[in-house]
């Protein structure tokens, strides 16, 4: 056997097997598929409260020290970041955007108010917030501290401001 014959024989045994594709020249009609409808409340769209809240956060970040002429601290970026993080955890898609007010200590206060209830959330710094809830219909109020657990706040927002 010659060297060329051995080389050819080796390649034939070691080459990958030819695969049958069968449909290379097939004539196939496209299959129509309806696109799924995506509701405006899907997770792909931003919540209604996000844009106005983000605009207000930008305004608050532009405030410098002594923004009120009484020596107040500039709004703390960490407090605003934590407030936004808390809102992502507690707000529903259609929950009303809060009013946001700077505090003299560098924190921020979030406010929701309507005929049935009022909620005030004071973000002093990350993981240090005070929540005040007034139920106008029942004439009852409550105040508590929170750090990282906001489920009660989420329930109140859903009940009164969605």
N, C-alpha and C. Protein backbone atom coordinates (compact mmCIF):
# COMPACT_ATOMS: atom_id res chain seq x y z
N UNK A 1 0.84 -1.17 0.00
CA UNK A 1 0.00 0.00 0.00
C UNK A 1 0.89 1.23 0.00
N UNK A 2 0.54 2.19 -0.81
CA UNK A 2 1.36 3.39 -0.89
C UNK A 2 1.00 4.36 0.24
N UNK A 3 1.86 5.36 0.45
CA UNK A 3 1.63 6.37 1.48
C UNK A 3 0.36 7.16 1.16
N UNK A 4 0.15 7.48 -0.09
CA UNK A 4 -1.05 8.24 -0.48
C UNK A 4 -2.30 7.45 -0.18
N UNK A 5 -2.29 6.16 -0.40
CA UNK A 5 -3.46 5.32 -0.14
C UNK A 5 -3.74 5.24 1.34
N UNK A 6 -2.70 5.14 2.16
CA UNK A 6 -2.88 5.07 3.62
C UNK A 6 -3.45 6.40 4.13
N UNK A 7 -2.89 7.51 3.61
CA UNK A 7 -3.36 8.83 4.03
C UNK A 7 -4.84 9.00 3.66
N UNK A 8 -5.25 8.61 2.48
CA UNK A 8 -6.63 8.70 2.04
C UNK A 8 -7.53 7.82 2.90
N UNK A 9 -7.08 6.59 3.16
CA UNK A 9 -7.85 5.66 3.97
C UNK A 9 -8.05 6.21 5.39
N UNK A 10 -7.06 6.84 5.96
CA UNK A 10 -7.14 7.41 7.31
C UNK A 10 -8.17 8.54 7.36
N UNK A 11 -8.15 9.41 6.34
CA UNK A 11 -9.10 10.54 6.29
C UNK A 11 -10.53 10.04 6.15
N UNK A 12 -10.75 9.03 5.36
CA UNK A 12 -12.09 8.52 5.16
C UNK A 12 -12.68 7.97 6.46
N UNK A 13 -11.86 7.32 7.25
CA UNK A 13 -12.35 6.73 8.51
C UNK A 13 -12.58 7.77 9.60
N UNK A 14 -11.82 8.85 9.55
CA UNK A 14 -11.87 9.82 10.63
C UNK A 14 -12.77 11.03 10.31
N UNK A 15 -13.18 11.20 9.11
CA UNK A 15 -14.01 12.36 8.78
C UNK A 15 -15.40 12.20 9.41
N UNK A 16 -16.01 13.32 9.79
CA UNK A 16 -17.34 13.22 10.41
C UNK A 16 -18.34 12.67 9.40
N UNK A 17 -19.28 11.92 9.87
CA UNK A 17 -20.27 11.34 8.95
C UNK A 17 -21.09 12.46 8.30
N UNK A 18 -21.45 12.25 7.07
CA UNK A 18 -22.29 13.21 6.36
C UNK A 18 -23.70 13.11 6.94
N UNK A 19 -24.31 14.25 7.22
CA UNK A 19 -25.66 14.26 7.79
C UNK A 19 -26.66 14.57 6.69
N UNK A 20 -27.78 13.90 6.76
CA UNK A 20 -28.84 14.14 5.80
C UNK A 20 -29.70 15.28 6.30
N UNK A 21 -29.82 16.32 5.52
CA UNK A 21 -30.64 17.46 5.93
C UNK A 21 -32.03 17.39 5.32
N UNK A 22 -32.19 16.74 4.23
CA UNK A 22 -33.49 16.45 3.66
C UNK A 22 -34.33 17.62 3.23
N UNK A 23 -34.27 18.77 3.93
CA UNK A 23 -35.15 19.90 3.64
C UNK A 23 -34.42 21.06 3.00
N UNK A 24 -33.28 20.82 2.46
CA UNK A 24 -32.49 21.90 1.87
C UNK A 24 -33.26 22.59 0.76
N UNK A 25 -33.89 21.85 -0.08
CA UNK A 25 -34.61 22.44 -1.21
C UNK A 25 -36.12 22.42 -1.00
N UNK A 26 -36.55 22.31 0.22
CA UNK A 26 -37.98 22.24 0.49
C UNK A 26 -38.63 23.60 0.26
N UNK A 27 -39.85 23.58 -0.21
CA UNK A 27 -40.62 24.80 -0.40
C UNK A 27 -41.61 24.88 0.75
N UNK A 28 -41.38 25.82 1.70
CA UNK A 28 -42.19 25.90 2.91
C UNK A 28 -42.88 27.25 2.97
N UNK A 29 -44.17 27.23 3.25
CA UNK A 29 -44.92 28.46 3.43
C UNK A 29 -44.71 28.95 4.86
N UNK A 30 -44.56 30.27 5.07
CA UNK A 30 -44.41 30.78 6.43
C UNK A 30 -45.69 30.55 7.24
N UNK A 31 -45.51 30.29 8.51
CA UNK A 31 -46.64 30.07 9.41
C UNK A 31 -46.94 31.38 10.11
N UNK A 32 -48.13 31.94 9.92
CA UNK A 32 -48.46 33.21 10.58
C UNK A 32 -48.64 32.98 12.09
N UNK A 33 -48.10 33.91 12.87
CA UNK A 33 -48.26 33.86 14.32
C UNK A 33 -48.66 35.24 14.80
N UNK A 34 -49.71 35.30 15.58
CA UNK A 34 -50.18 36.59 16.11
C UNK A 34 -49.23 37.05 17.21
N UNK A 35 -48.93 38.33 17.19
CA UNK A 35 -48.10 38.89 18.25
C UNK A 35 -48.92 38.98 19.53
N UNK A 36 -48.31 38.68 20.66
CA UNK A 36 -49.06 38.81 21.92
C UNK A 36 -49.32 40.28 22.23
N UNK A 37 -50.47 40.56 22.80
CA UNK A 37 -50.78 41.91 23.22
C UNK A 37 -50.08 42.19 24.53
N UNK A 38 -49.46 43.35 24.64
CA UNK A 38 -48.77 43.74 25.87
C UNK A 38 -49.56 44.88 26.49
N UNK A 39 -49.98 44.67 27.69
CA UNK A 39 -50.78 45.69 28.37
C UNK A 39 -49.89 46.84 28.82
N UNK A 40 -50.44 48.02 29.02
CA UNK A 40 -49.63 49.14 29.49
C UNK A 40 -49.10 48.91 30.89
N UNK A 41 -49.67 47.95 31.62
CA UNK A 41 -49.23 47.70 32.98
C UNK A 41 -48.26 46.53 33.05
N UNK A 42 -47.58 46.25 31.97
CA UNK A 42 -46.64 45.13 31.98
C UNK A 42 -45.36 45.54 32.69
N UNK A 43 -44.54 44.58 32.98
CA UNK A 43 -43.28 44.87 33.65
C UNK A 43 -42.29 45.52 32.71
N UNK A 44 -42.59 45.56 31.41
CA UNK A 44 -41.69 46.18 30.46
C UNK A 44 -41.83 47.70 30.44
N UNK A 45 -42.91 48.23 30.97
CA UNK A 45 -43.09 49.68 30.96
C UNK A 45 -42.83 50.24 32.36
N UNK A 46 -42.45 51.50 32.37
CA UNK A 46 -42.18 52.16 33.65
C UNK A 46 -43.48 52.48 34.36
N UNK A 47 -43.46 52.44 35.68
CA UNK A 47 -44.67 52.81 36.44
C UNK A 47 -45.02 54.28 36.22
N UNK A 48 -46.28 54.62 36.40
CA UNK A 48 -46.74 55.98 36.18
C UNK A 48 -46.09 56.98 37.13
N UNK A 49 -45.74 56.57 38.31
CA UNK A 49 -45.17 57.47 39.30
C UNK A 49 -43.69 57.75 39.05
N UNK A 50 -43.03 56.99 38.21
CA UNK A 50 -41.58 57.05 38.09
C UNK A 50 -41.07 58.38 37.51
N UNK A 51 -41.61 58.82 36.38
CA UNK A 51 -41.11 60.03 35.71
C UNK A 51 -41.25 61.28 36.59
N UNK A 52 -42.44 61.57 37.16
CA UNK A 52 -42.53 62.77 38.01
C UNK A 52 -41.63 62.67 39.25
N UNK A 53 -41.48 61.48 39.78
CA UNK A 53 -40.63 61.31 40.96
C UNK A 53 -39.17 61.54 40.59
N UNK A 54 -38.75 61.01 39.46
CA UNK A 54 -37.37 61.20 39.02
C UNK A 54 -37.08 62.67 38.74
N UNK A 55 -38.01 63.39 38.12
CA UNK A 55 -37.83 64.83 37.89
C UNK A 55 -37.65 65.57 39.21
N UNK A 56 -38.45 65.21 40.20
CA UNK A 56 -38.35 65.87 41.51
C UNK A 56 -37.03 65.54 42.19
N UNK A 57 -36.56 64.32 42.06
CA UNK A 57 -35.27 63.94 42.65
C UNK A 57 -34.16 64.78 42.04
N UNK A 58 -34.19 64.99 40.74
CA UNK A 58 -33.18 65.82 40.07
C UNK A 58 -33.24 67.24 40.61
N UNK A 59 -34.43 67.79 40.79
CA UNK A 59 -34.57 69.13 41.37
C UNK A 59 -33.98 69.19 42.77
N UNK A 60 -34.24 68.18 43.57
CA UNK A 60 -33.73 68.17 44.94
C UNK A 60 -32.21 68.04 44.97
N UNK A 61 -31.65 67.31 44.03
CA UNK A 61 -30.20 67.17 43.97
C UNK A 61 -29.50 68.48 43.62
N UNK A 62 -30.22 69.36 42.93
CA UNK A 62 -29.64 70.65 42.55
C UNK A 62 -29.61 71.65 43.71
N UNK A 63 -30.35 71.35 44.78
CA UNK A 63 -30.33 72.24 45.95
C UNK A 63 -28.97 72.10 46.65
N UNK A 64 -28.37 73.20 46.96
CA UNK A 64 -27.09 73.17 47.67
C UNK A 64 -27.29 73.40 49.15
N UNK A 65 -26.20 73.53 49.86
CA UNK A 65 -26.32 73.86 51.28
C UNK A 65 -27.00 75.23 51.45
N UNK A 66 -27.70 75.40 52.53
CA UNK A 66 -28.41 76.64 52.84
C UNK A 66 -29.48 76.95 51.78
N UNK A 67 -30.12 75.92 51.26
CA UNK A 67 -31.12 76.08 50.21
C UNK A 67 -32.33 76.89 50.66
N UNK A 68 -32.56 76.95 51.97
CA UNK A 68 -33.72 77.70 52.48
C UNK A 68 -33.33 79.01 53.16
N UNK A 69 -32.05 79.36 53.11
CA UNK A 69 -31.59 80.59 53.74
C UNK A 69 -31.49 80.51 55.25
N UNK A 70 -31.66 79.32 55.82
CA UNK A 70 -31.58 79.15 57.28
C UNK A 70 -30.49 78.16 57.68
N UNK A 71 -29.56 77.90 56.76
CA UNK A 71 -28.44 77.02 57.08
C UNK A 71 -28.73 75.54 56.93
N UNK A 72 -29.77 75.18 56.23
CA UNK A 72 -30.11 73.76 56.07
C UNK A 72 -29.06 73.04 55.23
N UNK A 73 -28.92 71.75 55.50
CA UNK A 73 -27.96 70.92 54.75
C UNK A 73 -28.50 70.64 53.36
N UNK A 74 -27.58 70.42 52.43
CA UNK A 74 -27.97 69.99 51.09
C UNK A 74 -28.62 68.62 51.20
N UNK A 75 -29.51 68.33 50.28
CA UNK A 75 -30.18 67.03 50.30
C UNK A 75 -29.15 65.93 50.07
N UNK A 76 -29.18 64.94 50.95
CA UNK A 76 -28.23 63.84 50.92
C UNK A 76 -28.55 62.89 49.76
N UNK A 77 -27.58 62.66 48.87
CA UNK A 77 -27.78 61.76 47.74
C UNK A 77 -28.15 60.35 48.19
N UNK A 78 -27.53 59.90 49.26
CA UNK A 78 -27.83 58.55 49.76
C UNK A 78 -29.27 58.45 50.25
N UNK A 79 -29.78 59.52 50.87
CA UNK A 79 -31.17 59.51 51.33
C UNK A 79 -32.12 59.45 50.13
N UNK A 80 -31.81 60.20 49.07
CA UNK A 80 -32.65 60.17 47.87
C UNK A 80 -32.58 58.81 47.18
N UNK A 81 -31.40 58.25 47.12
CA UNK A 81 -31.24 56.93 46.50
C UNK A 81 -32.02 55.88 47.28
N UNK A 82 -31.94 55.93 48.60
CA UNK A 82 -32.67 54.99 49.43
C UNK A 82 -34.18 55.19 49.28
N UNK A 83 -34.62 56.46 49.18
CA UNK A 83 -36.05 56.74 49.00
C UNK A 83 -36.53 56.12 47.69
N UNK A 84 -35.77 56.27 46.62
CA UNK A 84 -36.16 55.69 45.33
C UNK A 84 -36.19 54.16 45.42
N UNK A 85 -35.20 53.58 46.08
CA UNK A 85 -35.16 52.13 46.28
C UNK A 85 -36.40 51.66 47.04
N UNK A 86 -36.77 52.40 48.08
CA UNK A 86 -37.95 52.06 48.87
C UNK A 86 -39.22 52.17 48.03
N UNK A 87 -39.30 53.20 47.18
CA UNK A 87 -40.47 53.36 46.32
C UNK A 87 -40.60 52.19 45.35
N UNK A 88 -39.49 51.71 44.79
CA UNK A 88 -39.55 50.56 43.89
C UNK A 88 -40.12 49.34 44.60
N UNK A 89 -39.85 49.22 45.88
CA UNK A 89 -40.34 48.07 46.65
C UNK A 89 -41.80 48.21 47.06
N UNK A 90 -42.29 49.43 47.22
CA UNK A 90 -43.61 49.61 47.81
C UNK A 90 -44.69 50.07 46.85
N UNK A 91 -44.33 50.72 45.77
CA UNK A 91 -45.31 51.32 44.89
C UNK A 91 -45.80 50.34 43.84
N UNK A 92 -47.09 50.42 43.52
CA UNK A 92 -47.64 49.67 42.41
C UNK A 92 -47.49 50.47 41.13
N UNK A 93 -47.89 49.87 40.02
CA UNK A 93 -47.76 50.54 38.72
C UNK A 93 -48.52 51.87 38.69
N UNK A 94 -49.73 51.88 39.23
CA UNK A 94 -50.57 53.07 39.14
C UNK A 94 -50.68 53.83 40.46
N UNK A 95 -49.81 53.57 41.42
CA UNK A 95 -49.83 54.31 42.68
C UNK A 95 -49.50 55.77 42.40
N UNK A 96 -50.16 56.67 43.10
CA UNK A 96 -49.92 58.10 42.93
C UNK A 96 -48.49 58.44 43.33
N UNK A 97 -47.86 59.33 42.57
CA UNK A 97 -46.51 59.78 42.89
C UNK A 97 -46.55 60.60 44.18
N UNK A 98 -45.53 60.46 45.02
CA UNK A 98 -45.53 61.25 46.25
C UNK A 98 -45.06 62.67 46.00
N UNK A 99 -45.46 63.58 46.86
CA UNK A 99 -44.83 64.90 46.90
C UNK A 99 -43.52 64.68 47.64
N UNK A 100 -42.47 65.35 47.21
CA UNK A 100 -41.16 65.18 47.86
C UNK A 100 -40.68 66.54 48.34
N UNK A 101 -40.37 66.60 49.64
CA UNK A 101 -39.99 67.85 50.27
C UNK A 101 -38.62 67.67 50.92
N UNK A 102 -37.68 68.59 50.68
CA UNK A 102 -36.38 68.47 51.34
C UNK A 102 -36.51 68.81 52.83
N UNK A 103 -35.69 68.16 53.63
CA UNK A 103 -35.65 68.42 55.06
C UNK A 103 -34.36 69.15 55.42
N UNK A 104 -34.38 69.92 56.47
CA UNK A 104 -33.23 70.70 56.89
C UNK A 104 -32.01 69.87 57.26
N UNK A 105 -32.23 68.59 57.64
CA UNK A 105 -31.13 67.72 58.05
C UNK A 105 -30.49 66.98 56.88
N UNK A 106 -30.93 67.27 55.64
CA UNK A 106 -30.40 66.58 54.47
C UNK A 106 -31.25 65.42 54.01
N UNK A 107 -32.28 65.10 54.76
CA UNK A 107 -33.18 64.02 54.38
C UNK A 107 -34.26 64.52 53.44
N UNK A 108 -35.24 63.66 53.21
CA UNK A 108 -36.35 64.00 52.32
C UNK A 108 -37.63 63.41 52.88
N UNK A 109 -38.73 64.13 52.70
CA UNK A 109 -40.04 63.66 53.16
C UNK A 109 -40.90 63.36 51.94
N UNK A 110 -41.55 62.19 51.96
CA UNK A 110 -42.46 61.78 50.91
C UNK A 110 -43.87 61.88 51.47
N UNK A 111 -44.79 62.48 50.69
CA UNK A 111 -46.15 62.72 51.18
C UNK A 111 -47.19 62.24 50.18
N UNK A 112 -48.19 61.54 50.69
CA UNK A 112 -49.38 61.17 49.93
C UNK A 112 -50.57 61.64 50.76
N UNK A 113 -51.55 62.25 50.11
CA UNK A 113 -52.71 62.73 50.85
C UNK A 113 -53.94 62.71 49.96
N UNK A 114 -55.04 62.24 50.50
CA UNK A 114 -56.34 62.31 49.83
C UNK A 114 -57.42 62.37 50.90
N UNK A 115 -58.67 62.26 50.52
CA UNK A 115 -59.78 62.40 51.47
C UNK A 115 -59.82 61.29 52.51
N UNK A 116 -59.29 60.12 52.19
CA UNK A 116 -59.39 59.00 53.13
C UNK A 116 -58.16 58.81 54.01
N UNK A 117 -56.98 59.25 53.53
CA UNK A 117 -55.77 58.96 54.30
C UNK A 117 -54.64 59.93 53.98
N UNK A 118 -53.66 59.93 54.85
CA UNK A 118 -52.43 60.67 54.65
C UNK A 118 -51.27 59.79 55.10
N UNK A 119 -50.24 59.76 54.30
CA UNK A 119 -49.03 59.01 54.64
C UNK A 119 -47.84 59.93 54.47
N UNK A 120 -47.00 60.00 55.49
CA UNK A 120 -45.76 60.76 55.44
C UNK A 120 -44.62 59.79 55.73
N UNK A 121 -43.61 59.82 54.88
CA UNK A 121 -42.42 58.99 55.08
C UNK A 121 -41.23 59.92 55.11
N UNK A 122 -40.54 59.95 56.23
CA UNK A 122 -39.37 60.79 56.40
C UNK A 122 -38.13 59.92 56.27
N UNK A 123 -37.38 60.14 55.19
CA UNK A 123 -36.13 59.40 54.98
C UNK A 123 -35.01 60.27 55.51
N UNK A 124 -34.49 59.89 56.65
CA UNK A 124 -33.43 60.66 57.30
C UNK A 124 -32.08 60.32 56.66
N UNK A 125 -31.85 59.04 56.52
CA UNK A 125 -30.66 58.49 55.85
C UNK A 125 -31.00 57.05 55.48
N UNK A 126 -30.17 56.39 54.70
CA UNK A 126 -30.48 54.99 54.35
C UNK A 126 -30.73 54.14 55.60
N UNK A 127 -31.75 53.32 55.52
CA UNK A 127 -32.16 52.40 56.60
C UNK A 127 -32.61 53.12 57.87
N UNK A 128 -32.97 54.38 57.76
CA UNK A 128 -33.52 55.10 58.91
C UNK A 128 -34.67 55.98 58.42
N UNK A 129 -35.89 55.45 58.56
CA UNK A 129 -37.05 56.21 58.13
C UNK A 129 -38.13 56.19 59.21
N UNK A 130 -38.95 57.21 59.19
CA UNK A 130 -40.12 57.30 60.06
C UNK A 130 -41.34 57.35 59.15
N UNK A 131 -42.35 56.57 59.52
CA UNK A 131 -43.58 56.52 58.74
C UNK A 131 -44.73 56.97 59.63
N UNK A 132 -45.53 57.88 59.11
CA UNK A 132 -46.72 58.34 59.81
C UNK A 132 -47.92 58.07 58.91
N UNK A 133 -48.95 57.45 59.48
CA UNK A 133 -50.16 57.11 58.73
C UNK A 133 -51.37 57.65 59.48
N UNK A 134 -52.22 58.38 58.76
CA UNK A 134 -53.46 58.89 59.31
C UNK A 134 -54.61 58.35 58.48
N UNK A 135 -55.51 57.62 59.13
CA UNK A 135 -56.72 57.14 58.48
C UNK A 135 -57.81 58.13 58.83
N UNK A 136 -58.17 58.98 57.90
CA UNK A 136 -59.15 60.04 58.16
C UNK A 136 -60.54 59.49 58.40
N UNK A 137 -60.88 58.40 57.75
CA UNK A 137 -62.22 57.83 57.91
C UNK A 137 -62.41 57.24 59.30
N UNK A 138 -61.39 56.58 59.81
CA UNK A 138 -61.49 55.96 61.13
C UNK A 138 -61.04 56.90 62.24
N UNK A 139 -60.38 58.00 61.88
CA UNK A 139 -59.88 58.93 62.89
C UNK A 139 -58.72 58.35 63.68
N UNK A 140 -57.99 57.40 63.11
CA UNK A 140 -56.86 56.76 63.80
C UNK A 140 -55.56 57.11 63.10
N UNK A 141 -54.49 57.18 63.89
CA UNK A 141 -53.19 57.42 63.31
C UNK A 141 -52.15 56.49 63.93
N UNK A 142 -51.03 56.40 63.28
CA UNK A 142 -49.96 55.50 63.74
C UNK A 142 -48.64 56.03 63.23
N UNK A 143 -47.58 55.88 64.03
CA UNK A 143 -46.24 56.27 63.63
C UNK A 143 -45.27 55.15 64.01
N UNK A 144 -44.34 54.83 63.12
CA UNK A 144 -43.36 53.78 63.40
C UNK A 144 -42.08 53.99 62.62
N UNK A 145 -41.01 53.38 63.13
CA UNK A 145 -39.71 53.39 62.47
C UNK A 145 -39.61 52.18 61.55
N UNK A 146 -38.86 52.34 60.47
CA UNK A 146 -38.61 51.22 59.57
C UNK A 146 -37.18 51.33 59.07
N UNK A 147 -36.62 50.19 58.73
CA UNK A 147 -35.25 50.16 58.21
C UNK A 147 -35.22 49.53 56.82
N UNK A 148 -35.68 48.29 56.74
CA UNK A 148 -35.65 47.58 55.46
C UNK A 148 -36.95 46.84 55.16
N UNK A 149 -37.88 46.82 56.07
CA UNK A 149 -39.15 46.10 55.91
C UNK A 149 -40.26 47.11 55.66
N UNK A 150 -40.80 47.10 54.42
CA UNK A 150 -41.77 48.11 54.02
C UNK A 150 -43.11 47.51 53.59
N UNK A 151 -43.40 46.29 53.97
CA UNK A 151 -44.63 45.64 53.50
C UNK A 151 -45.88 46.36 54.01
N UNK A 152 -45.87 46.84 55.23
CA UNK A 152 -47.05 47.55 55.75
C UNK A 152 -47.27 48.86 54.99
N UNK A 153 -46.20 49.56 54.68
CA UNK A 153 -46.30 50.78 53.88
C UNK A 153 -46.86 50.45 52.49
N UNK A 154 -46.37 49.39 51.88
CA UNK A 154 -46.86 48.97 50.56
C UNK A 154 -48.35 48.67 50.61
N UNK A 155 -48.81 47.99 51.66
CA UNK A 155 -50.24 47.68 51.81
C UNK A 155 -51.07 48.95 51.92
N UNK A 156 -50.58 49.92 52.70
CA UNK A 156 -51.31 51.18 52.88
C UNK A 156 -51.37 51.98 51.59
N UNK A 157 -50.27 52.02 50.86
CA UNK A 157 -50.25 52.74 49.59
C UNK A 157 -51.22 52.11 48.60
N UNK A 158 -51.22 50.79 48.56
CA UNK A 158 -52.13 50.07 47.64
C UNK A 158 -53.58 50.31 48.04
N UNK A 159 -53.86 50.34 49.33
CA UNK A 159 -55.24 50.51 49.80
C UNK A 159 -55.78 51.92 49.56
N UNK A 160 -54.94 52.93 49.67
CA UNK A 160 -55.43 54.31 49.64
C UNK A 160 -55.01 55.15 48.42
N UNK A 161 -53.95 54.76 47.72
CA UNK A 161 -53.41 55.66 46.69
C UNK A 161 -53.21 54.99 45.33
N UNK A 162 -53.93 53.90 45.06
CA UNK A 162 -53.86 53.26 43.75
C UNK A 162 -55.19 53.41 43.06
